[in-house]
Amino acid sequence: MSKSIFYHAGCPVCVSAEQDIVNLIGSSEVDIIHLGEDRSQIEAAEKAGVQSVPALLTPNGNVLHINYGASMADVKG
């Protein structure tokens, strides 16, 4: 993986964190995945270690959970 992946669910906490991440590392360095809109990515996020959103998956596989917005159980509904 060469880019970071930012997972979120569209809540205000997530949207704010998304803007900060893009400003910090640049939009060309991060893929944004809105799990509420692309539910097919939930399993991949969980396999990568995402336990809550917003979260940033770094290119070397570390998951950085950022300011708790929602658990994955909440995202799955």
PDB file of N, CA and C in Angstrom:
ATOM      1  N   MET A   1       0.854  -1.172   0.000  1.00  0.00           N
ATOM      2  CA  MET A   1       0.000   0.000   0.000  1.00  0.00           C
ATOM      3  C   MET A   1       0.900   1.235   0.000  1.00  0.00           C
ATOM      4  N   SER A   2       0.666   2.131  -0.916  1.00  0.00           N
ATOM      5  CA  SER A   2       1.526   3.307  -1.023  1.00  0.00           C
ATOM      6  C   SER A   2       0.875   4.576  -0.475  1.00  0.00           C
ATOM      7  N   LYS A   3      -0.439   4.553  -0.307  1.00  0.00           N
ATOM      8  CA  LYS A   3      -1.137   5.716   0.217  1.00  0.00           C
ATOM      9  C   LYS A   3      -1.801   5.352   1.540  1.00  0.00           C
ATOM     10  N   SER A   4      -2.075   6.361   2.337  1.00  0.00           N
ATOM     11  CA  SER A   4      -2.872   6.154   3.537  1.00  0.00           C
ATOM     12  C   SER A   4      -4.336   6.029   3.128  1.00  0.00           C
ATOM     13  N   ILE A   5      -5.124   5.412   3.989  1.00  0.00           N
ATOM     14  CA  ILE A   5      -6.567   5.324   3.775  1.00  0.00           C
ATOM     15  C   ILE A   5      -7.245   5.924   4.994  1.00  0.00           C
ATOM     16  N   PHE A   6      -8.120   6.887   4.762  1.00  0.00           N
ATOM     17  CA  PHE A   6      -8.873   7.509   5.840  1.00  0.00           C
ATOM     18  C   PHE A   6     -10.293   6.968   5.777  1.00  0.00           C
ATOM     19  N   TYR A   7     -10.696   6.267   6.839  1.00  0.00           N
ATOM     20  CA  TYR A   7     -12.041   5.711   6.942  1.00  0.00           C
ATOM     21  C   TYR A   7     -12.893   6.611   7.821  1.00  0.00           C
ATOM     22  N   HIS A   8     -14.114   6.865   7.375  1.00  0.00           N
ATOM     23  CA  HIS A   8     -15.033   7.634   8.210  1.00  0.00           C
ATOM     24  C   HIS A   8     -16.469   7.268   7.888  1.00  0.00           C
ATOM     25  N   ALA A   9     -17.407   7.813   8.664  1.00  0.00           N
ATOM     26  CA  ALA A   9     -18.820   7.487   8.491  1.00  0.00           C
ATOM     27  C   ALA A   9     -19.685   8.707   8.237  1.00  0.00           C
ATOM     28  N   GLY A  10     -19.068   9.850   8.031  1.00  0.00           N
ATOM     29  CA  GLY A  10     -19.826  11.044   7.661  1.00  0.00           C
ATOM     30  C   GLY A  10     -20.316  11.910   8.808  1.00  0.00           C
ATOM     31  N   CYS A  11     -20.040  11.522  10.039  1.00  0.00           N
ATOM     32  CA  CYS A  11     -20.473  12.343  11.174  1.00  0.00           C
ATOM     33  C   CYS A  11     -19.632  13.626  11.228  1.00  0.00           C
ATOM     34  N   PRO A  12     -20.071  14.630  11.965  1.00  0.00           N
ATOM     35  CA  PRO A  12     -19.303  15.876  12.035  1.00  0.00           C
ATOM     36  C   PRO A  12     -17.862  15.690  12.506  1.00  0.00           C
ATOM     37  N   VAL A  13     -17.624  14.795  13.458  1.00  0.00           N
ATOM     38  CA  VAL A  13     -16.264  14.514  13.927  1.00  0.00           C
ATOM     39  C   VAL A  13     -15.429  13.977  12.766  1.00  0.00           C
ATOM     40  N   CYS A  14     -16.016  13.062  12.000  1.00  0.00           N
ATOM     41  CA  CYS A  14     -15.300  12.451  10.871  1.00  0.00           C
ATOM     42  C   CYS A  14     -14.987  13.469   9.778  1.00  0.00           C
ATOM     43  N   VAL A  15     -15.949  14.296   9.440  1.00  0.00           N
ATOM     44  CA  VAL A  15     -15.756  15.280   8.377  1.00  0.00           C
ATOM     45  C   VAL A  15     -14.673  16.278   8.768  1.00  0.00           C
ATOM     46  N   SER A  16     -14.677  16.712  10.007  1.00  0.00           N
ATOM     47  CA  SER A  16     -13.653  17.628  10.489  1.00  0.00           C
ATOM     48  C   SER A  16     -12.275  16.978  10.434  1.00  0.00           C
ATOM     49  N   ALA A  17     -12.187  15.719  10.878  1.00  0.00           N
ATOM     50  CA  ALA A  17     -10.907  15.003  10.848  1.00  0.00           C
ATOM     51  C   ALA A  17     -10.447  14.797   9.404  1.00  0.00           C
ATOM     52  N   GLU A  18     -11.373  14.513   8.498  1.00  0.00           N
ATOM     53  CA  GLU A  18     -11.019  14.344   7.084  1.00  0.00           C
ATOM     54  C   GLU A  18     -10.364  15.612   6.541  1.00  0.00           C
ATOM     55  N   GLN A  19     -10.955  16.753   6.828  1.00  0.00           N
ATOM     56  CA  GLN A  19     -10.393  18.022   6.358  1.00  0.00           C
ATOM     57  C   GLN A  19      -8.997  18.241   6.920  1.00  0.00           C
ATOM     58  N   ASP A  20      -8.800  17.933   8.190  1.00  0.00           N
ATOM     59  CA  ASP A  20      -7.482  18.096   8.810  1.00  0.00           C
ATOM     60  C   ASP A  20      -6.456  17.155   8.197  1.00  0.00           C
ATOM     61  N   ILE A  21      -6.836  15.901   7.968  1.00  0.00           N
ATOM     62  CA  ILE A  21      -5.912  14.924   7.378  1.00  0.00           C
ATOM     63  C   ILE A  21      -5.507  15.359   5.974  1.00  0.00           C
ATOM     64  N   VAL A  22      -6.462  15.768   5.170  1.00  0.00           N
ATOM     65  CA  VAL A  22      -6.156  16.217   3.808  1.00  0.00           C
ATOM     66  C   VAL A  22      -5.242  17.430   3.847  1.00  0.00           C
ATOM     67  N   ASN A  23      -5.503  18.350   4.756  1.00  0.00           N
ATOM     68  CA  ASN A  23      -4.638  19.530   4.871  1.00  0.00           C
ATOM     69  C   ASN A  23      -3.231  19.163   5.332  1.00  0.00           C
ATOM     70  N   LEU A  24      -3.120  18.158   6.185  1.00  0.00           N
ATOM     71  CA  LEU A  24      -1.812  17.769   6.718  1.00  0.00           C
ATOM     72  C   LEU A  24      -0.968  16.968   5.726  1.00  0.00           C
ATOM     73  N   ILE A  25      -1.584  15.986   5.074  1.00  0.00           N
ATOM     74  CA  ILE A  25      -0.773  15.106   4.228  1.00  0.00           C
ATOM     75  C   ILE A  25      -1.050  15.247   2.742  1.00  0.00           C
ATOM     76  N   GLY A  26      -2.098  15.955   2.382  1.00  0.00           N
ATOM     77  CA  GLY A  26      -2.403  16.191   0.970  1.00  0.00           C
ATOM     78  C   GLY A  26      -3.354  15.163   0.393  1.00  0.00           C
ATOM     79  N   SER A  27      -4.253  15.616  -0.450  1.00  0.00           N
ATOM     80  CA  SER A  27      -5.278  14.738  -1.010  1.00  0.00           C
ATOM     81  C   SER A  27      -4.701  13.660  -1.916  1.00  0.00           C
ATOM     82  N   SER A  28      -3.534  13.890  -2.475  1.00  0.00           N
ATOM     83  CA  SER A  28      -2.928  12.883  -3.352  1.00  0.00           C
ATOM     84  C   SER A  28      -2.278  11.746  -2.568  1.00  0.00           C
ATOM     85  N   GLU A  29      -2.142  11.909  -1.258  1.00  0.00           N
ATOM     86  CA  GLU A  29      -1.481  10.911  -0.417  1.00  0.00           C
ATOM     87  C   GLU A  29      -2.448  10.074   0.417  1.00  0.00           C
ATOM     88  N   VAL A  30      -3.757  10.330   0.252  1.00  0.00           N
ATOM     89  CA  VAL A  30      -4.733   9.617   1.071  1.00  0.00           C
ATOM     90  C   VAL A  30      -5.989   9.309   0.253  1.00  0.00           C
ATOM     91  N   ASP A  31      -6.468   8.076   0.406  1.00  0.00           N
ATOM     92  CA  ASP A  31      -7.759   7.695  -0.153  1.00  0.00           C
ATOM     93  C   ASP A  31      -8.792   7.869   0.949  1.00  0.00           C
ATOM     94  N   ILE A  32      -9.902   8.501   0.622  1.00  0.00           N
ATOM     95  CA  ILE A  32     -10.979   8.726   1.587  1.00  0.00           C
ATOM     96  C   ILE A  32     -12.071   7.701   1.336  1.00  0.00           C
ATOM     97  N   ILE A  33     -12.423   6.955   2.380  1.00  0.00           N
ATOM     98  CA  ILE A  33     -13.494   5.973   2.259  1.00  0.00           C
ATOM     99  C   ILE A  33     -14.571   6.276   3.291  1.00  0.00           C
ATOM    100  N   HIS A  34     -15.745   6.625   2.796  1.00  0.00           N
ATOM    101  CA  HIS A  34     -16.919   6.908   3.620  1.00  0.00           C
ATOM    102  C   HIS A  34     -17.670   5.585   3.764  1.00  0.00           C
ATOM    103  N   LEU A  35     -17.550   4.948   4.918  1.00  0.00           N
ATOM    104  CA  LEU A  35     -18.133   3.628   5.129  1.00  0.00           C
ATOM    105  C   LEU A  35     -19.651   3.641   5.132  1.00  0.00           C
ATOM    106  N   GLY A  36     -20.252   4.780   5.396  1.00  0.00           N
ATOM    107  CA  GLY A  36     -21.704   4.873   5.326  1.00  0.00           C
ATOM    108  C   GLY A  36     -22.209   4.830   3.893  1.00  0.00           C
ATOM    109  N   GLU A  37     -21.392   5.291   2.968  1.00  0.00           N
ATOM    110  CA  GLU A  37     -21.767   5.295   1.559  1.00  0.00           C
ATOM    111  C   GLU A  37     -21.217   4.089   0.809  1.00  0.00           C
ATOM    112  N   ASP A  38     -20.106   3.535   1.262  1.00  0.00           N
ATOM    113  CA  ASP A  38     -19.482   2.379   0.608  1.00  0.00           C
ATOM    114  C   ASP A  38     -19.319   1.256   1.623  1.00  0.00           C
ATOM    115  N   ARG A  39     -20.436   0.639   1.942  1.00  0.00           N
ATOM    116  CA  ARG A  39     -20.458  -0.384   2.979  1.00  0.00           C
ATOM    117  C   ARG A  39     -19.640  -1.616   2.596  1.00  0.00           C
ATOM    118  N   SER A  40     -19.327  -1.786   1.322  1.00  0.00           N
ATOM    119  CA  SER A  40     -18.530  -2.925   0.890  1.00  0.00           C
ATOM    120  C   SER A  40     -17.106  -2.861   1.431  1.00  0.00           C
ATOM    121  N   GLN A  41     -16.683  -1.705   1.946  1.00  0.00           N
ATOM    122  CA  GLN A  41     -15.334  -1.530   2.474  1.00  0.00           C
ATOM    123  C   GLN A  41     -15.227  -1.804   3.978  1.00  0.00           C
ATOM    124  N   ILE A  42     -16.357  -2.075   4.628  1.00  0.00           N
ATOM    125  CA  ILE A  42     -16.352  -2.298   6.082  1.00  0.00           C
ATOM    126  C   ILE A  42     -15.483  -3.499   6.456  1.00  0.00           C
ATOM    127  N   GLU A  43     -15.634  -4.589   5.743  1.00  0.00           N
ATOM    128  CA  GLU A  43     -14.861  -5.793   6.066  1.00  0.00           C
ATOM    129  C   GLU A  43     -13.359  -5.540   5.929  1.00  0.00           C
ATOM    130  N   ALA A  44     -12.948  -4.862   4.877  1.00  0.00           N
ATOM    131  CA  ALA A  44     -11.526  -4.559   4.678  1.00  0.00           C
ATOM    132  C   ALA A  44     -11.004  -3.665   5.798  1.00  0.00           C
ATOM    133  N   ALA A  45     -11.814  -2.699   6.212  1.00  0.00           N
ATOM    134  CA  ALA A  45     -11.412  -1.805   7.303  1.00  0.00           C
ATOM    135  C   ALA A  45     -11.223  -2.600   8.592  1.00  0.00           C
ATOM    136  N   GLU A  46     -12.163  -3.484   8.893  1.00  0.00           N
ATOM    137  CA  GLU A  46     -12.051  -4.289  10.106  1.00  0.00           C
ATOM    138  C   GLU A  46     -10.841  -5.224  10.043  1.00  0.00           C
ATOM    139  N   LYS A  47     -10.595  -5.835   8.902  1.00  0.00           N
ATOM    140  CA  LYS A  47      -9.431  -6.722   8.758  1.00  0.00           C
ATOM    141  C   LYS A  47      -8.128  -5.957   8.941  1.00  0.00           C
ATOM    142  N   ALA A  48      -8.128  -4.671   8.577  1.00  0.00           N
ATOM    143  CA  ALA A  48      -6.929  -3.839   8.742  1.00  0.00           C
ATOM    144  C   ALA A  48      -6.741  -3.411  10.191  1.00  0.00           C
ATOM    145  N   GLY A  49      -7.779  -3.586  11.032  1.00  0.00           N
ATOM    146  CA  GLY A  49      -7.666  -3.239  12.439  1.00  0.00           C
ATOM    147  C   GLY A  49      -8.454  -2.019  12.860  1.00  0.00           C
ATOM    148  N   VAL A  50      -9.271  -1.485  11.968  1.00  0.00           N
ATOM    149  CA  VAL A  50     -10.087  -0.320  12.314  1.00  0.00           C
ATOM    150  C   VAL A  50     -11.170  -0.758  13.290  1.00  0.00           C
ATOM    151  N   GLN A  51     -11.195  -0.107  14.458  1.00  0.00           N
ATOM    152  CA  GLN A  51     -12.181  -0.431  15.494  1.00  0.00           C
ATOM    153  C   GLN A  51     -13.221   0.662  15.660  1.00  0.00           C
ATOM    154  N   SER A  52     -12.883   1.863  15.202  1.00  0.00           N
ATOM    155  CA  SER A  52     -13.807   2.990  15.270  1.00  0.00           C
ATOM    156  C   SER A  52     -13.394   3.982  14.188  1.00  0.00           C
ATOM    157  N   VAL A  53     -14.307   4.867  13.876  1.00  0.00           N
ATOM    158  CA  VAL A  53     -14.015   5.917  12.901  1.00  0.00           C
ATOM    159  C   VAL A  53     -14.189   7.268  13.570  1.00  0.00           C
ATOM    160  N   PRO A  54     -13.457   8.241  13.122  1.00  0.00           N
ATOM    161  CA  PRO A  54     -12.521   8.241  12.014  1.00  0.00           C
ATOM    162  C   PRO A  54     -11.225   7.524  12.365  1.00  0.00           C
ATOM    163  N   ALA A  55     -10.616   6.941  11.326  1.00  0.00           N
ATOM    164  CA  ALA A  55      -9.343   6.234  11.498  1.00  0.00           C
ATOM    165  C   ALA A  55      -8.512   6.374  10.231  1.00  0.00           C
ATOM    166  N   LEU A  56      -7.209   6.433  10.426  1.00  0.00           N
ATOM    167  CA  LEU A  56      -6.273   6.536   9.313  1.00  0.00           C
ATOM    168  C   LEU A  56      -5.418   5.281   9.289  1.00  0.00           C
ATOM    169  N   LEU A  57      -5.451   4.563   8.179  1.00  0.00           N
ATOM    170  CA  LEU A  57      -4.599   3.398   7.965  1.00  0.00           C
ATOM    171  C   LEU A  57      -3.375   3.885   7.203  1.00  0.00           C
ATOM    172  N   THR A  58      -2.200   3.755   7.819  1.00  0.00           N
ATOM    173  CA  THR A  58      -0.976   4.259   7.204  1.00  0.00           C
ATOM    174  C   THR A  58      -0.438   3.245   6.190  1.00  0.00           C
ATOM    175  N   PRO A  59       0.435   3.683   5.291  1.00  0.00           N
ATOM    176  CA  PRO A  59       0.980   2.773   4.282  1.00  0.00           C
ATOM    177  C   PRO A  59       1.684   1.541   4.865  1.00  0.00           C
ATOM    178  N   ASN A  60       2.208   1.641   6.077  1.00  0.00           N
ATOM    179  CA  ASN A  60       2.878   0.474   6.662  1.00  0.00           C
ATOM    180  C   ASN A  60       1.948  -0.375   7.526  1.00  0.00           C
ATOM    181  N   GLY A  61       0.639  -0.081   7.494  1.00  0.00           N
ATOM    182  CA  GLY A  61      -0.352  -0.928   8.150  1.00  0.00           C
ATOM    183  C   GLY A  61      -0.770  -0.525   9.545  1.00  0.00           C
ATOM    184  N   ASN A  62      -0.268   0.585  10.062  1.00  0.00           N
ATOM    185  CA  ASN A  62      -0.708   1.060  11.379  1.00  0.00           C
ATOM    186  C   ASN A  62      -2.064   1.740  11.254  1.00  0.00           C
ATOM    187  N   VAL A  63      -2.911   1.509  12.244  1.00  0.00           N
ATOM    188  CA  VAL A  63      -4.219   2.171  12.279  1.00  0.00           C
ATOM    189  C   VAL A  63      -4.177   3.239  13.362  1.00  0.00           C
ATOM    190  N   LEU A  64      -4.427   4.468  12.973  1.00  0.00           N
ATOM    191  CA  LEU A  64      -4.474   5.588  13.906  1.00  0.00           C
ATOM    192  C   LEU A  64      -5.938   5.978  14.096  1.00  0.00           C
ATOM    193  N   HIS A  65      -6.462   5.683  15.283  1.00  0.00           N
ATOM    194  CA  HIS A  65      -7.843   6.055  15.592  1.00  0.00           C
ATOM    195  C   HIS A  65      -7.845   7.514  16.046  1.00  0.00           C
ATOM    196  N   ILE A  66      -8.692   8.302  15.430  1.00  0.00           N
ATOM    197  CA  ILE A  66      -8.683   9.748  15.626  1.00  0.00           C
ATOM    198  C   ILE A  66      -9.998  10.192  16.263  1.00  0.00           C
ATOM    199  N   ASN A  67      -9.924  10.803  17.431  1.00  0.00           N
ATOM    200  CA  ASN A  67     -11.091  11.436  18.042  1.00  0.00           C
ATOM    201  C   ASN A  67     -12.368  10.637  17.806  1.00  0.00           C
ATOM    202  N   TYR A  68     -12.673   9.746  18.687  1.00  0.00           N
ATOM    203  CA  TYR A  68     -13.786   8.806  18.555  1.00  0.00           C
ATOM    204  C   TYR A  68     -15.057   9.444  17.998  1.00  0.00           C
ATOM    205  N   GLY A  69     -15.551   8.873  16.902  1.00  0.00           N
ATOM    206  CA  GLY A  69     -16.800   9.320  16.297  1.00  0.00           C
ATOM    207  C   GLY A  69     -17.874   8.244  16.373  1.00  0.00           C
ATOM    208  N   ALA A  70     -17.519   6.997  15.995  1.00  0.00           N
ATOM    209  CA  ALA A  70     -18.454   5.881  16.023  1.00  0.00           C
ATOM    210  C   ALA A  70     -17.676   4.571  16.007  1.00  0.00           C
ATOM    211  N   SER A  71     -18.230   3.559  16.684  1.00  0.00           N
ATOM    212  CA  SER A  71     -17.611   2.236  16.646  1.00  0.00           C
ATOM    213  C   SER A  71     -17.962   1.563  15.316  1.00  0.00           C
ATOM    214  N   MET A  72     -17.223   0.534  14.967  1.00  0.00           N
ATOM    215  CA  MET A  72     -17.547  -0.202  13.747  1.00  0.00           C
ATOM    216  C   MET A  72     -18.910  -0.871  13.866  1.00  0.00           C
ATOM    217  N   ALA A  73     -19.292  -1.276  15.073  1.00  0.00           N
ATOM    218  CA  ALA A  73     -20.627  -1.856  15.282  1.00  0.00           C
ATOM    219  C   ALA A  73     -21.705  -0.824  14.939  1.00  0.00           C
ATOM    220  N   ASP A  74     -21.474   0.435  15.313  1.00  0.00           N
ATOM    221  CA  ASP A  74     -22.420   1.495  14.971  1.00  0.00           C
ATOM    222  C   ASP A  74     -22.464   1.706  13.464  1.00  0.00           C
ATOM    223  N   VAL A  75     -21.300   1.652  12.823  1.00  0.00           N
ATOM    224  CA  VAL A  75     -21.233   1.849  11.376  1.00  0.00           C
ATOM    225  C   VAL A  75     -21.988   0.743  10.647  1.00  0.00           C
ATOM    226  N   LYS A  76     -21.832  -0.490  11.137  1.00  0.00           N
ATOM    227  CA  LYS A  76     -22.503  -1.625  10.492  1.00  0.00           C
ATOM    228  C   LYS A  76     -24.012  -1.596  10.705  1.00  0.00           C
ATOM    229  N   GLY A  77     -24.440  -0.895  11.769  1.00  0.00           N
ATOM    230  CA  GLY A  77     -25.870  -0.744  12.030  1.00  0.00           C
ATOM    231  C   GLY A  77     -26.445  -1.922  12.649  1.00  0.00           C
TER     232      GLY A  77
END
